[in-house]
Amino acid sequence: MRTEPDDFWMEGITGVLDRTKSEGLATLKVRSPCFLPPGKASVGRRVPGSG
């Protein structure tokens, strides 16, 4: 799933590992411009008209 105006991405995956034991896995990945990836430093932005 993706929303273009804000570049938000979400992906979900599920899978069965062992049906006899009812074991499986699920992952959910989210990417949002609101959060920086781990290890990335923030870069200040100048707002137009702020000086």
PDB file of N, CA and C in Angstrom:
ATOM      1  N   MET A   1       0.838  -1.158   0.000  1.00  0.00           N
ATOM      2  CA  MET A   1       0.000   0.000   0.000  1.00  0.00           C
ATOM      3  C   MET A   1       0.893   1.235   0.000  1.00  0.00           C
ATOM      4  N   ARG A   2       0.503   2.247  -0.746  1.00  0.00           N
ATOM      5  CA  ARG A   2       1.262   3.500  -0.784  1.00  0.00           C
ATOM      6  C   ARG A   2       0.288   4.656  -0.947  1.00  0.00           C
ATOM      7  N   THR A   3       0.561   5.716  -0.212  1.00  0.00           N
ATOM      8  CA  THR A   3      -0.172   6.953  -0.447  1.00  0.00           C
ATOM      9  C   THR A   3       0.822   7.940  -1.050  1.00  0.00           C
ATOM     10  N   GLU A   4       0.565   8.370  -2.257  1.00  0.00           N
ATOM     11  CA  GLU A   4       1.504   9.210  -2.999  1.00  0.00           C
ATOM     12  C   GLU A   4       1.718  10.610  -2.433  1.00  0.00           C
ATOM     13  N   PRO A   5       0.680  11.317  -1.970  1.00  0.00           N
ATOM     14  CA  PRO A   5       0.923  12.697  -1.525  1.00  0.00           C
ATOM     15  C   PRO A   5       1.968  12.820  -0.414  1.00  0.00           C
ATOM     16  N   ASP A   6       2.011  11.853   0.506  1.00  0.00           N
ATOM     17  CA  ASP A   6       2.970  11.946   1.615  1.00  0.00           C
ATOM     18  C   ASP A   6       4.052  10.874   1.571  1.00  0.00           C
ATOM     19  N   ASP A   7       4.088  10.035   0.522  1.00  0.00           N
ATOM     20  CA  ASP A   7       5.093   8.986   0.342  1.00  0.00           C
ATOM     21  C   ASP A   7       5.141   8.016   1.517  1.00  0.00           C
ATOM     22  N   PHE A   8       3.981   7.604   2.009  1.00  0.00           N
ATOM     23  CA  PHE A   8       3.859   6.621   3.085  1.00  0.00           C
ATOM     24  C   PHE A   8       3.718   5.251   2.438  1.00  0.00           C
ATOM     25  N   TRP A   9       4.512   4.281   2.903  1.00  0.00           N
ATOM     26  CA  TRP A   9       4.463   2.908   2.373  1.00  0.00           C
ATOM     27  C   TRP A   9       4.177   1.934   3.503  1.00  0.00           C
ATOM     28  N   MET A  10       3.409   0.888   3.225  1.00  0.00           N
ATOM     29  CA  MET A  10       3.181  -0.183   4.195  1.00  0.00           C
ATOM     30  C   MET A  10       3.123  -1.505   3.444  1.00  0.00           C
ATOM     31  N   GLU A  11       3.777  -2.530   4.003  1.00  0.00           N
ATOM     32  CA  GLU A  11       3.821  -3.845   3.383  1.00  0.00           C
ATOM     33  C   GLU A  11       3.605  -4.893   4.473  1.00  0.00           C
ATOM     34  N   GLY A  12       2.741  -5.845   4.226  1.00  0.00           N
ATOM     35  CA  GLY A  12       2.502  -6.927   5.170  1.00  0.00           C
ATOM     36  C   GLY A  12       2.681  -8.269   4.489  1.00  0.00           C
ATOM     37  N   ILE A  13       3.354  -9.196   5.181  1.00  0.00           N
ATOM     38  CA  ILE A  13       3.599 -10.537   4.645  1.00  0.00           C
ATOM     39  C   ILE A  13       3.287 -11.556   5.732  1.00  0.00           C
ATOM     40  N   THR A  14       2.599 -12.627   5.363  1.00  0.00           N
ATOM     41  CA  THR A  14       2.359 -13.722   6.305  1.00  0.00           C
ATOM     42  C   THR A  14       2.745 -15.033   5.641  1.00  0.00           C
ATOM     43  N   GLY A  15       3.089 -16.010   6.465  1.00  0.00           N
ATOM     44  CA  GLY A  15       3.456 -17.312   5.917  1.00  0.00           C
ATOM     45  C   GLY A  15       3.319 -18.411   6.957  1.00  0.00           C
ATOM     46  N   VAL A  16       3.062 -19.627   6.477  1.00  0.00           N
ATOM     47  CA  VAL A  16       2.931 -20.796   7.344  1.00  0.00           C
ATOM     48  C   VAL A  16       4.265 -21.534   7.358  1.00  0.00           C
ATOM     49  N   LEU A  17       4.785 -21.814   8.570  1.00  0.00           N
ATOM     50  CA  LEU A  17       6.030 -22.570   8.701  1.00  0.00           C
ATOM     51  C   LEU A  17       5.735 -24.059   8.906  1.00  0.00           C
ATOM     52  N   ASP A  18       4.828 -24.362   9.827  1.00  0.00           N
ATOM     53  CA  ASP A  18       4.468 -25.752  10.123  1.00  0.00           C
ATOM     54  C   ASP A  18       2.984 -25.811  10.472  1.00  0.00           C
ATOM     55  N   ARG A  19       2.183 -26.274   9.539  1.00  0.00           N
ATOM     56  CA  ARG A  19       0.738 -26.307   9.723  1.00  0.00           C
ATOM     57  C   ARG A  19       0.324 -27.239  10.865  1.00  0.00           C
ATOM     58  N   THR A  20       1.056 -28.325  11.070  1.00  0.00           N
ATOM     59  CA  THR A  20       0.690 -29.282  12.128  1.00  0.00           C
ATOM     60  C   THR A  20       0.880 -28.689  13.519  1.00  0.00           C
ATOM     61  N   LYS A  21       1.803 -27.762  13.674  1.00  0.00           N
ATOM     62  CA  LYS A  21       2.049 -27.119  14.968  1.00  0.00           C
ATOM     63  C   LYS A  21       1.401 -25.734  15.045  1.00  0.00           C
ATOM     64  N   SER A  22       0.698 -25.347  14.012  1.00  0.00           N
ATOM     65  CA  SER A  22       0.088 -24.004  13.923  1.00  0.00           C
ATOM     66  C   SER A  22       1.131 -22.898  14.091  1.00  0.00           C
ATOM     67  N   GLU A  23       2.286 -23.086  13.441  1.00  0.00           N
ATOM     68  CA  GLU A  23       3.347 -22.090  13.510  1.00  0.00           C
ATOM     69  C   GLU A  23       3.424 -21.317  12.199  1.00  0.00           C
ATOM     70  N   GLY A  24       3.675 -20.039  12.322  1.00  0.00           N
ATOM     71  CA  GLY A  24       3.808 -19.202  11.152  1.00  0.00           C
ATOM     72  C   GLY A  24       4.554 -17.935  11.497  1.00  0.00           C
ATOM     73  N   LEU A  25       4.587 -17.031  10.556  1.00  0.00           N
ATOM     74  CA  LEU A  25       5.250 -15.761  10.808  1.00  0.00           C
ATOM     75  C   LEU A  25       4.509 -14.655  10.090  1.00  0.00           C
ATOM     76  N   ALA A  26       4.731 -13.456  10.566  1.00  0.00           N
ATOM     77  CA  ALA A  26       4.137 -12.279   9.949  1.00  0.00           C
ATOM     78  C   ALA A  26       5.103 -11.114  10.091  1.00  0.00           C
ATOM     79  N   THR A  27       5.197 -10.304   9.065  1.00  0.00           N
ATOM     80  CA  THR A  27       6.013  -9.094   9.132  1.00  0.00           C
ATOM     81  C   THR A  27       5.181  -7.915   8.642  1.00  0.00           C
ATOM     82  N   LEU A  28       5.492  -6.778   9.190  1.00  0.00           N
ATOM     83  CA  LEU A  28       4.841  -5.541   8.784  1.00  0.00           C
ATOM     84  C   LEU A  28       5.923  -4.485   8.675  1.00  0.00           C
ATOM     85  N   LYS A  29       6.096  -3.925   7.478  1.00  0.00           N
ATOM     86  CA  LYS A  29       7.089  -2.876   7.259  1.00  0.00           C
ATOM     87  C   LYS A  29       6.355  -1.578   6.949  1.00  0.00           C
ATOM     88  N   VAL A  30       6.822  -0.510   7.563  1.00  0.00           N
ATOM     89  CA  VAL A  30       6.230   0.804   7.336  1.00  0.00           C
ATOM     90  C   VAL A  30       7.350   1.796   7.047  1.00  0.00           C
ATOM     91  N   ARG A  31       7.157   2.612   6.028  1.00  0.00           N
ATOM     92  CA  ARG A  31       8.104   3.682   5.720  1.00  0.00           C
ATOM     93  C   ARG A  31       7.322   4.978   5.651  1.00  0.00           C
ATOM     94  N   SER A  32       7.775   5.950   6.418  1.00  0.00           N
ATOM     95  CA  SER A  32       7.097   7.230   6.477  1.00  0.00           C
ATOM     96  C   SER A  32       8.120   8.357   6.445  1.00  0.00           C
ATOM     97  N   PRO A  33       7.828   9.438   5.743  1.00  0.00           N
ATOM     98  CA  PRO A  33       8.747  10.567   5.735  1.00  0.00           C
ATOM     99  C   PRO A  33       8.792  11.286   7.089  1.00  0.00           C
ATOM    100  N   CYS A  34       7.939  10.896   8.013  1.00  0.00           N
ATOM    101  CA  CYS A  34       7.908  11.522   9.342  1.00  0.00           C
ATOM    102  C   CYS A  34       9.057  11.057  10.230  1.00  0.00           C
ATOM    103  N   PHE A  35       9.697   9.921   9.895  1.00  0.00           N
ATOM    104  CA  PHE A  35      10.742   9.349  10.728  1.00  0.00           C
ATOM    105  C   PHE A  35      11.992   9.102   9.900  1.00  0.00           C
ATOM    106  N   LEU A  36      13.151   9.397  10.477  1.00  0.00           N
ATOM    107  CA  LEU A  36      14.428   9.127   9.815  1.00  0.00           C
ATOM    108  C   LEU A  36      14.840   7.688  10.073  1.00  0.00           C
ATOM    109  N   PRO A  37      15.539   7.050   9.133  1.00  0.00           N
ATOM    110  CA  PRO A  37      16.069   5.707   9.367  1.00  0.00           C
ATOM    111  C   PRO A  37      17.087   5.732  10.505  1.00  0.00           C
ATOM    112  N   PRO A  38      17.282   4.604  11.203  1.00  0.00           N
ATOM    113  CA  PRO A  38      18.272   4.551  12.280  1.00  0.00           C
ATOM    114  C   PRO A  38      19.655   4.980  11.780  1.00  0.00           C
ATOM    115  N   GLY A  39      20.346   5.787  12.566  1.00  0.00           N
ATOM    116  CA  GLY A  39      21.692   6.225  12.221  1.00  0.00           C
ATOM    117  C   GLY A  39      21.756   7.470  11.353  1.00  0.00           C
ATOM    118  N   LYS A  40      20.626   7.962  10.896  1.00  0.00           N
ATOM    119  CA  LYS A  40      20.618   9.159  10.058  1.00  0.00           C
ATOM    120  C   LYS A  40      20.446  10.393  10.940  1.00  0.00           C
ATOM    121  N   ALA A  41      21.198  11.425  10.644  1.00  0.00           N
ATOM    122  CA  ALA A  41      21.093  12.680  11.391  1.00  0.00           C
ATOM    123  C   ALA A  41      20.027  13.562  10.761  1.00  0.00           C
ATOM    124  N   SER A  42      19.411  14.342  11.566  1.00  0.00           N
ATOM    125  CA  SER A  42      18.389  15.268  11.079  1.00  0.00           C
ATOM    126  C   SER A  42      19.053  16.457  10.404  1.00  0.00           C
ATOM    127  N   VAL A  43      18.473  16.917   9.322  1.00  0.00           N
ATOM    128  CA  VAL A  43      18.970  18.082   8.599  1.00  0.00           C
ATOM    129  C   VAL A  43      17.917  19.174   8.745  1.00  0.00           C
ATOM    130  N   GLY A  44      18.328  20.304   9.305  1.00  0.00           N
ATOM    131  CA  GLY A  44      17.376  21.397   9.504  1.00  0.00           C
ATOM    132  C   GLY A  44      16.930  21.994   8.178  1.00  0.00           C
ATOM    133  N   ARG A  45      15.672  22.337   8.111  1.00  0.00           N
ATOM    134  CA  ARG A  45      15.138  22.976   6.924  1.00  0.00           C
ATOM    135  C   ARG A  45      14.725  24.385   7.256  1.00  0.00           C
ATOM    136  N   ARG A  46      14.988  25.281   6.356  1.00  0.00           N
ATOM    137  CA  ARG A  46      14.598  26.669   6.560  1.00  0.00           C
ATOM    138  C   ARG A  46      13.203  26.870   5.987  1.00  0.00           C
ATOM    139  N   VAL A  47      12.336  27.411   6.786  1.00  0.00           N
ATOM    140  CA  VAL A  47      10.980  27.682   6.358  1.00  0.00           C
ATOM    141  C   VAL A  47      10.946  29.023   5.643  1.00  0.00           C
ATOM    142  N   PRO A  48      10.405  29.051   4.407  1.00  0.00           N
ATOM    143  CA  PRO A  48      10.361  30.328   3.678  1.00  0.00           C
ATOM    144  C   PRO A  48       9.643  31.402   4.497  1.00  0.00           C
ATOM    145  N   GLY A  49      10.212  32.589   4.506  1.00  0.00           N
ATOM    146  CA  GLY A  49       9.613  33.702   5.236  1.00  0.00           C
ATOM    147  C   GLY A  49       9.944  33.736   6.717  1.00  0.00           C
ATOM    148  N   SER A  50      10.806  32.801   7.188  1.00  0.00           N
ATOM    149  CA  SER A  50      11.118  32.762   8.613  1.00  0.00           C
ATOM    150  C   SER A  50      12.379  33.549   8.956  1.00  0.00           C
ATOM    151  N   GLY A  51      12.966  34.226   7.978  1.00  0.00           N
ATOM    152  CA  GLY A  51      14.102  35.061   8.315  1.00  0.00           C
ATOM    153  C   GLY A  51      15.231  34.821   7.458  1.00  0.00           C
TER     154      GLY A  51
END
